[in-house]
Structure formats: structure tokens, C-alpha cells
Protein backbone atom coordinates (compact mmCIF):
# COMPACT_ATOMS: atom_id res chain seq x y z
CA UNK A 1 -12.75 3.17 -19.25
CA UNK A 2 -12.74 -0.58 -18.66
CA UNK A 3 -12.41 0.01 -14.93
CA UNK A 4 -15.52 2.18 -14.98
CA UNK A 5 -17.38 -0.38 -17.07
CA UNK A 6 -16.49 -3.11 -14.58
CA UNK A 7 -17.64 -0.94 -11.70
CA UNK A 8 -20.90 -0.20 -13.47
CA UNK A 9 -21.53 -3.91 -13.96
CA UNK A 10 -21.11 -4.35 -10.22
CA UNK A 11 -23.50 -1.48 -9.52
CA UNK A 12 -26.04 -2.95 -11.91
CA UNK A 13 -25.88 -6.33 -10.18
CA UNK A 14 -26.46 -4.63 -6.82
CA UNK A 15 -29.19 -2.39 -8.24
CA UNK A 16 -27.25 0.75 -7.30
CA UNK A 17 -27.91 3.80 -9.49
CA UNK A 18 -24.71 5.68 -8.57
CA UNK A 19 -21.67 5.33 -6.32
CA UNK A 20 -20.06 8.12 -4.31
CA UNK A 21 -16.30 7.40 -4.15
CA UNK A 22 -14.51 9.18 -1.29
CA UNK A 23 -11.48 6.94 -0.58
CA UNK A 24 -8.44 8.71 -2.15
CA UNK A 25 -6.76 5.61 -3.63
CA UNK A 26 -10.06 4.44 -5.11
CA UNK A 27 -10.62 7.90 -6.54
CA UNK A 28 -7.20 7.83 -8.21
CA UNK A 29 -7.67 4.25 -9.45
CA UNK A 30 -10.86 5.16 -11.30
CA UNK A 31 -10.00 8.67 -12.51
CA UNK A 32 -6.18 9.12 -12.32
CA UNK A 33 -6.85 12.24 -10.23
CA UNK A 34 -3.81 12.39 -7.94
CA UNK A 35 -4.59 15.19 -5.48
CA UNK A 36 -4.23 14.08 -1.87
CA UNK A 37 -6.51 14.65 1.10
CA UNK A 38 -5.19 16.50 4.13
CA UNK A 39 -7.31 14.20 6.32
CA UNK A 40 -10.48 12.13 6.19
CA UNK A 41 -12.39 15.28 7.14
CA UNK A 42 -10.87 17.41 4.34
CA UNK A 43 -11.22 16.10 0.80
CA UNK A 44 -9.75 17.27 -2.47
CA UNK A 45 -12.77 15.86 -4.26
CA UNK A 46 -15.11 12.92 -4.63
CA UNK A 47 -16.28 10.87 -7.60
CA UNK A 48 -19.92 10.35 -8.44
CA UNK A 49 -20.18 7.38 -10.79
CA UNK A 50 -23.68 6.97 -12.24
CA UNK A 51 -24.61 3.62 -13.70
CA UNK A 52 -25.15 5.39 -17.00
CA UNK A 53 -23.77 8.60 -18.42
CA UNK A 54 -20.68 10.70 -17.79
CA UNK A 55 -18.79 10.12 -14.52
CA UNK A 56 -18.36 13.20 -12.35
CA UNK A 57 -15.53 14.56 -10.22
CA UNK A 58 -16.89 16.94 -7.60
CA UNK A 59 -14.38 19.34 -6.02
CA UNK A 60 -13.81 22.96 -5.09
CA UNK A 61 -12.05 25.75 -6.93
CA UNK A 62 -8.63 25.03 -5.37
CA UNK A 63 -8.41 21.77 -7.34
CA UNK A 64 -10.26 22.67 -10.55
CA UNK A 65 -7.22 22.87 -12.84
CA UNK A 66 -5.58 19.83 -11.26
CA UNK A 67 -8.72 17.76 -11.72
CA UNK A 68 -9.26 18.88 -15.30
CA UNK A 69 -5.67 17.99 -16.25
CA UNK A 70 -5.85 14.42 -14.95
CA UNK A 71 -9.43 13.15 -14.82
CA UNK A 72 -9.95 12.76 -18.55
CA UNK A 73 -13.46 11.67 -19.43
CA UNK A 74 -14.87 13.03 -16.18
CA UNK A 75 -17.05 16.10 -15.93
CA UNK A 76 -15.56 18.44 -13.32
CA UNK A 77 -18.15 20.15 -11.15
CA UNK A 78 -17.40 22.62 -8.35
CA UNK A 79 -19.25 22.89 -5.06
CA UNK A 80 -18.82 26.48 -3.78
CA UNK A 81 -21.49 25.83 -1.15
CA UNK A 82 -20.25 22.38 -0.17
CA UNK A 83 -20.61 18.83 -1.44
CA UNK A 84 -24.04 18.14 0.05
CA UNK A 85 -25.48 21.27 -1.53
CA UNK A 86 -24.30 20.11 -4.95
CA UNK A 87 -25.57 16.55 -4.39
CA UNK A 88 -28.97 17.93 -3.50
CA UNK A 89 -29.20 19.29 -7.04
CA UNK A 90 -27.40 16.48 -8.85
CA UNK A 91 -29.02 13.34 -7.50
CA UNK A 92 -32.58 14.13 -8.61
CA UNK A 93 -31.26 15.33 -11.97
CA UNK A 94 -29.49 11.98 -12.44
CA UNK A 95 -32.65 10.14 -11.33
CA UNK A 96 -30.77 8.34 -8.56
CA UNK A 97 -33.00 6.17 -6.38
CA UNK A 98 -30.29 4.11 -4.66
CA UNK A 99 -26.98 5.83 -3.89
CA UNK A 100 -24.03 3.71 -2.80
CA UNK A 101 -21.35 5.23 -0.57
CA UNK A 102 -18.08 3.95 0.89
CA UNK A 103 -19.13 3.45 4.49
CA UNK A 104 -15.61 2.42 5.54
CA UNK A 105 -14.24 5.80 4.45
CA UNK A 106 -16.78 8.37 5.52
CA UNK A 107 -16.93 10.05 8.90
CA UNK A 108 -19.95 9.06 10.96
CA UNK A 109 -21.07 12.70 11.07
CA UNK A 110 -20.76 13.05 7.28
CA UNK A 111 -22.59 9.80 6.68
CA UNK A 112 -25.37 11.05 8.93
CA UNK A 113 -25.70 14.27 6.96
CA UNK A 114 -25.65 12.36 3.67
CA UNK A 115 -28.38 10.01 4.88
CA UNK A 116 -30.48 12.93 6.08
CA UNK A 117 -30.17 14.50 2.63
CA UNK A 118 -31.05 11.34 0.74
CA UNK A 119 -34.02 10.69 3.04
CA UNK A 120 -35.23 14.21 2.27
CA UNK A 121 -34.92 13.47 -1.47
CA UNK A 122 -36.59 10.08 -1.21
CA UNK A 123 -33.31 8.31 -2.10
CA UNK A 124 -31.97 5.20 -0.37
CA UNK A 125 -28.37 5.60 0.82
CA UNK A 126 -26.68 2.18 0.63
CA UNK A 127 -23.50 1.65 2.71
CA UNK A 128 -20.91 -0.37 0.81
CA UNK A 129 -17.50 -1.76 1.79
CA UNK A 130 -14.60 -2.69 -0.45
CA UNK A 131 -16.30 -2.42 -3.85
CA UNK A 132 -13.41 -0.68 -5.59
CA UNK A 133 -10.75 -2.28 -3.38
CA UNK A 134 -11.73 -5.71 -4.71
CA UNK A 135 -11.19 -4.45 -8.24
CA UNK A 136 -7.72 -3.22 -7.25
CA UNK A 137 -6.48 -6.54 -5.84
CA UNK A 138 -5.30 -8.01 -9.15
CA UNK A 139 -3.19 -5.67 -11.24
CA UNK A 140 -3.30 -5.01 -14.96
CA UNK A 141 -0.02 -5.30 -16.88
CA UNK A 142 0.37 -1.52 -16.97
CA UNK A 143 0.04 -1.38 -13.18
CA UNK A 144 2.60 -4.16 -12.72
CA UNK A 145 5.06 -2.26 -14.89
CA UNK A 146 4.53 0.94 -12.91
CA UNK A 147 4.98 -0.90 -9.62
CA UNK A 148 8.18 -2.50 -10.90
CA UNK A 149 9.57 0.94 -11.75
CA UNK A 150 8.73 2.06 -8.21
CA UNK A 151 10.54 -0.99 -6.80
CA UNK A 152 13.65 -0.37 -8.89
CA UNK A 153 13.80 3.32 -7.96
CA UNK A 154 13.47 2.35 -4.30
CA UNK A 155 16.48 0.07 -4.73
CA UNK A 156 18.48 2.85 -6.34
CA UNK A 157 17.69 5.15 -3.43
CA UNK A 158 18.82 2.49 -0.97
CA UNK A 159 22.08 1.93 -2.85
CA UNK A 160 22.76 5.68 -2.89
CA UNK A 161 22.16 6.08 0.85
CA UNK A 162 23.91 2.87 1.89
CA UNK A 163 27.10 4.07 0.22
CA UNK A 164 27.12 7.03 2.61
CA UNK A 165 26.26 5.15 5.84
CA UNK A 166 28.76 5.78 8.60
CA UNK A 167 29.07 4.84 12.23
CA UNK A 168 27.74 7.63 14.43
CA UNK A 169 24.98 8.78 12.13
CA UNK A 170 21.65 8.71 13.94
CA UNK A 171 18.67 6.66 12.85
CA UNK A 172 16.72 9.86 12.24
CA UNK A 173 19.48 11.36 10.11
CA UNK A 174 19.57 8.29 7.89
CA UNK A 175 15.78 8.17 7.58
CA UNK A 176 15.72 11.83 6.56
CA UNK A 177 18.46 11.25 4.00
CA UNK A 178 16.53 8.32 2.53
CA UNK A 179 13.36 10.35 2.13
CA UNK A 180 15.17 13.39 0.73
CA UNK A 181 16.97 11.15 -1.76
CA UNK A 182 13.64 9.65 -2.84
CA UNK A 183 12.31 13.09 -3.70
CA UNK A 184 15.54 14.10 -5.39
CA UNK A 185 15.43 10.99 -7.61
CA UNK A 186 11.86 11.59 -8.78
CA UNK A 187 9.52 9.93 -6.27
CA UNK A 188 6.24 11.64 -5.39
CA UNK A 189 6.83 10.96 -1.72
CA UNK A 190 7.58 8.08 0.68
CA UNK A 191 4.87 5.43 0.73
CA UNK A 192 5.19 5.25 4.54
CA UNK A 193 7.39 6.68 7.27
CA UNK A 194 10.88 5.24 6.76
CA UNK A 195 12.14 2.86 9.45
CA UNK A 196 15.80 2.85 10.47
CA UNK A 197 16.44 0.77 13.58
CA UNK A 198 19.92 -0.08 14.81
CA UNK A 199 20.86 -2.76 17.35
CA UNK A 200 18.22 -3.39 20.04
CA UNK A 201 15.77 -1.01 18.36
CA UNK A 202 15.48 -3.49 15.50
CA UNK A 203 13.55 -5.83 17.79
CA UNK A 204 10.51 -3.60 17.18
CA UNK A 205 9.14 -4.30 13.67
CA UNK A 206 7.71 -0.77 13.39
CA UNK A 207 10.44 1.11 15.22
CA UNK A 208 10.47 4.90 14.95
CA UNK A 209 13.89 6.36 14.00
CA UNK A 210 15.39 8.25 16.92
CA UNK A 211 18.60 9.84 18.11
CA UNK A 212 20.45 6.57 18.66
CA UNK A 213 23.69 6.52 16.62
CA UNK A 214 24.48 3.60 14.34
CA UNK A 215 27.22 1.31 15.57
CA UNK A 216 29.58 -1.06 13.82
CA UNK A 217 28.96 -4.79 13.76
CA UNK A 218 25.29 -4.49 14.78
CA UNK A 219 22.28 -5.27 12.57
CA UNK A 220 20.51 -2.21 11.18
CA UNK A 221 16.97 -2.73 9.87
CA UNK A 222 16.00 -0.31 7.09
CA UNK A 223 12.40 -0.48 5.87
CA UNK A 224 11.60 2.00 3.11
CA UNK A 225 9.22 2.62 0.25
CA UNK A 226 8.25 5.33 -2.19
CA UNK A 227 5.45 6.33 -4.53
CA UNK A 228 6.22 6.70 -8.22
CA UNK A 229 3.48 7.54 -10.71
CA UNK A 230 0.92 6.71 -8.04
CA UNK A 231 2.20 3.23 -7.19
CA UNK A 232 3.99 2.14 -4.04
CA UNK A 233 7.07 0.11 -3.29
CA UNK A 234 8.11 -1.46 0.01
CA UNK A 235 11.49 -3.03 0.80
CA UNK A 236 13.40 -4.02 3.93
CA UNK A 237 17.10 -4.71 4.17
CA UNK A 238 19.12 -5.56 7.26
CA UNK A 239 22.71 -4.39 6.96
CA UNK A 240 25.83 -4.28 9.09
CA UNK A 241 28.63 -1.70 9.12
CA UNK A 242 31.79 -3.71 9.34
CA UNK A 243 31.95 -7.44 9.97
CA UNK A 244 28.84 -9.12 11.44
CA UNK A 245 29.28 -11.55 14.31
CA UNK A 246 28.33 -15.21 14.02
CA UNK A 247 24.91 -14.74 15.65
CA UNK A 248 23.95 -12.06 13.16
CA UNK A 249 25.13 -14.21 10.24
CA UNK A 250 23.19 -17.25 11.43
CA UNK A 251 19.95 -15.32 12.00
CA UNK A 252 20.31 -13.48 8.71
CA UNK A 253 20.72 -16.75 6.83
CA UNK A 254 17.75 -18.24 8.65
CA UNK A 255 15.49 -15.35 7.63
CA UNK A 256 16.76 -15.51 4.06
CA UNK A 257 16.07 -19.25 3.97
CA UNK A 258 12.53 -18.59 5.19
CA UNK A 259 12.05 -15.88 2.56
CA UNK A 260 13.19 -18.19 -0.23
CA UNK A 261 10.98 -21.02 1.05
CA UNK A 262 7.96 -18.74 0.84
CA UNK A 263 8.94 -17.30 -2.53
CA UNK A 264 9.30 -20.79 -3.98
CA UNK A 265 5.88 -21.77 -2.59
CA UNK A 266 3.86 -18.77 -3.74
CA UNK A 267 1.81 -19.16 -6.90
CA UNK A 268 -1.77 -18.65 -8.00
CA UNK A 269 -4.13 -21.02 -6.19
CA UNK A 270 -2.39 -21.32 -2.83
CA UNK A 271 -3.83 -19.49 0.16
CA UNK A 272 -2.34 -16.62 2.09
CA UNK A 273 -1.87 -18.85 5.12
CA UNK A 274 -0.07 -21.50 3.05
CA UNK A 275 2.41 -18.88 1.89
CA UNK A 276 2.90 -17.71 5.47
CA UNK A 277 3.35 -21.29 6.69
CA UNK A 278 6.19 -21.96 4.24
CA UNK A 279 8.33 -19.26 5.85
CA UNK A 280 7.10 -19.81 9.40
CA UNK A 281 8.00 -23.52 9.39
CA UNK A 282 11.64 -22.68 8.62
CA UNK A 283 11.90 -20.24 11.51
CA UNK A 284 9.94 -22.50 13.87
CA UNK A 285 12.23 -25.43 13.10
CA UNK A 286 15.11 -23.28 14.33
CA UNK A 287 13.31 -22.78 17.65
CA UNK A 288 12.41 -19.15 16.97
CA UNK A 289 8.80 -19.40 15.86
CA UNK A 290 7.64 -17.14 18.68
CA UNK A 291 10.09 -14.45 17.48
CA UNK A 292 8.28 -14.07 14.14
CA UNK A 293 5.10 -12.37 15.25
CA UNK A 294 3.76 -10.61 12.17
CA UNK A 295 2.42 -12.05 8.93
CA UNK A 296 4.60 -12.93 5.96
CA UNK A 297 3.39 -10.11 3.77
CA UNK A 298 0.67 -7.98 2.23
CA UNK A 299 -0.56 -6.60 -1.04
CA UNK A 300 0.88 -3.40 -2.52
CA UNK A 301 -0.50 -1.07 -5.17
CA UNK A 302 -1.85 2.45 -4.96
CA UNK A 303 -1.72 1.85 -1.20
CA UNK A 304 1.30 0.35 0.48
CA UNK A 305 -0.90 -1.98 2.52
CA UNK A 306 -3.82 -3.56 0.69
CA UNK A 307 -5.22 -7.00 -0.04
CA UNK A 308 -4.21 -9.78 -0.07
CA UNK A 309 -2.86 -10.61 3.39
CA UNK A 310 -0.27 -13.36 3.73
CA UNK A 311 -0.76 -14.48 7.31
CA UNK A 312 -1.93 -17.39 9.46
CA UNK A 313 -5.60 -16.40 9.14
CA UNK A 314 -6.10 -15.80 5.43
CA UNK A 315 -7.62 -18.85 3.75
CA UNK A 316 -8.37 -17.02 0.50
CA UNK A 317 -6.52 -18.14 -2.60
CA UNK A 318 -3.94 -15.95 -4.28
CA UNK A 319 -4.63 -14.96 -7.87
CA UNK A 320 -2.32 -14.25 -10.78
CA UNK A 321 -1.64 -10.53 -11.00
CA UNK A 322 -1.56 -9.87 -7.29
CA UNK A 323 1.44 -7.89 -6.04
CA UNK A 324 2.70 -9.04 -2.65
CA UNK A 325 5.55 -8.55 -0.19
CA UNK A 326 7.56 -11.46 1.22
CA UNK A 327 9.03 -10.26 4.50
CA UNK A 328 9.80 -12.80 7.24
CA UNK A 329 11.66 -11.60 10.31
CA UNK A 330 13.14 -12.62 13.64
CA UNK A 331 13.05 -10.18 16.58
CA UNK A 332 15.00 -10.66 19.81
CA UNK A 333 14.25 -8.12 22.57
CA UNK A 334 17.45 -6.55 23.89
CA UNK A 335 19.47 -7.67 20.87
CA UNK A 336 17.74 -6.53 17.69
CA UNK A 337 16.03 -7.90 14.62
CA UNK A 338 16.52 -9.24 11.13
CA UNK A 339 13.91 -8.64 8.41
CA UNK A 340 14.24 -9.10 4.66
CA UNK A 341 11.53 -7.93 2.31
CA UNK A 342 11.07 -8.25 -1.42
CA UNK A 343 8.07 -7.55 -3.63
CA UNK A 344 6.76 -10.00 -6.18
CA UNK A 345 3.94 -10.61 -8.61
CA UNK A 346 1.89 -13.80 -8.22
CA UNK A 347 1.85 -15.79 -11.43
CA UNK A 348 0.19 -19.02 -12.52
CA UNK A 349 3.23 -21.17 -11.78
CA UNK A 350 5.20 -19.13 -9.28
CA UNK A 351 6.17 -15.76 -7.86
CA UNK A 352 8.26 -13.37 -9.95
CA UNK A 353 10.33 -11.16 -7.67
CA UNK A 354 10.42 -7.55 -8.83
CA UNK A 355 13.56 -6.62 -6.88
CA UNK A 356 16.75 -7.00 -8.87
CA UNK A 357 19.51 -6.04 -6.46
CA UNK A 358 20.53 -9.10 -4.43
CA UNK A 359 23.67 -7.51 -2.97
CA UNK A 360 22.13 -7.15 0.49
CA UNK A 361 20.33 -10.50 0.62
CA UNK A 362 23.29 -12.68 1.54
CA UNK A 363 25.78 -12.63 4.40
């Protein structure tokens, strides 16, 4: 209820009578309704949050029972003739004069139809961006605990699969085993498509697992995450089957040093670019600054990629309660890559890492 009260305070300050929430993660954040959308053009429901009165979840008959079981405190209303038809009746009844909508998550065609409807009703449609997302940036204690459980389950899945890694298995086979193990151990689903990249393929930070077999003594980048109770985890480990050569050891230790430098720098009050710089300076000093192309990290919550960004451009200060990744990397075309990624919670005087298994963080 406090989340809705906070949102209503924001709407009051902006003189918005009601907000139409269409972004799936925002919908779940406010209502706990967990149904997923097949695509941006096919929704399992939208929220209509009036500044006063009972919040509404508008959906169709396929999701009625699901919505009623999760969205406690919301009135469930069905739209057998479509969402716009229901809004045509609801908005005047609720005495809405200014209707906010999430312009960053509404198809242009749908927004056009919505605006045509509101114009017909004498209502002003107000495009808004990031209203609920800004509320989601800092996590409540309950959210932090749920994210930590997701992180720890992700580690357990990794440990289970790593024990079965063998030379000759393909990247795709390992990725499939990781995702099947996630489901078998209680995850809702992967939080993103699992990355398994052996040898030269590891030079691509977002490599797609293919038919290449894993080989001994080469670095294998495994980037994986899952959703548990709505909240995401994200972890990268770089492992070697057999004994790593000296180059792999040196690069691994360099990336780990950069990760620790950033972790020890992060706390409430520093900026995203200051956090990034702490890791980047370590890698640059080794002459490999141009081989670390992406940012240091990103926020994680109901979405696996959300604010804040830890990169060279973000001058905004980190706040206590933010959940972030710390994932420096070095990528050498033709050879491969090394990336290490942990998740942590920003606190007043530091960064508390949520990962507990350090077995794969030292070579």
C-alpha cells in the first residue's frame, strides 16, 4: 500500500488524476500481479491507478483468476470488448481530467488510439516516462532479501552445472543444462538468455552459445541469471577445464583486482562514473583499457537491467538500497575474454556483496 501511496503523491504533485500502467515490471511492482506479456502488443493486463479510490487491474477472462489471486486490494475488471472500450466507460465515471500513461512502453498506434479516445471524452492524455521506474531504483529490505535469495539460488545452479562440465560439451548444451537446472531448482525462469562462450567466443561480451565444443585449458565465460519470486539475479564466472596457462591466470587476476577496486570504492554518495573509474583505472594501468569496452555494471531488481548505470557517463550519485552488478572484463579478439560479475547492495559506508561462493573468483 505504501508504494501506491507514494505513487499517488507523485500524481498529485503533477496534477494527474490517474495513471495507466502498462509496463509489466511496473505492474508487478505495484500489484504483485505476475502474469507475463507475450509481447508489447499483447498484454495480460494493465493497472489504472486513480489518485483517490480503489486501484484497478484491467484484464481479460484468460487472466481473471490469476489476477484475483495476486493483486490483493485491486478491483479486477474485465474488458471483453477491449481495453479502450472499458476505459471509455471508466474514465468519466472516475472523473478523470488528466490521464497519465507510460509513453516509453506503449506502441505508437496504441498511444494514438488512446489519445483519440481521451480527446473525444475531453480528457488530457499526459505522456510520462520513468515514474514507477524511479520508485523501483532503491529497494526496500524485503526486496533486498528476495534478491539475495535469487543470487544464492543462481550460485547453487552454477555449482551443480559446473560439477558436470566436460571437454567436448557444446556451449549450447551447457546453456540448456543451466536453464533446465534453474527451473528444476525452483526458479520462475532465466532472467536473460544464458551466455556460455568458450575460447575465442569469449571475446564477445554478449556471445550467443553455439555448437563449438568446450576445450581444456581455455577460458570459458558463463553469464547466467534467474528469476525467483519476481526478482532477478545476474552472475558471470570465467572458468577453465584443467590447468589455465599463464596468460589466462594473469588476465583473470587483473580483472579480479579491478572488481575488488570497484567494490571497495562503491558506497552511497559516489557517482556511477566514479565506480566505473575505480575498475577501469586498474585495467588501463595494465595497458588494456581499450579491451574493457562496456560499463562496470547496472541495477538489478524486477528487471535484470535497470537503473542505476555504472559507466563513464553516469554522474548521478548512488543511493543506499540500490542493487548493482560489478562486472569488469577484458576481451581479446581471437583469444577470448575474462569477465567476473557479482551483485551487491549499496550501503551508506560501502557495498555489501550478495554472492557468497568465492570458489571461482581466484586463480
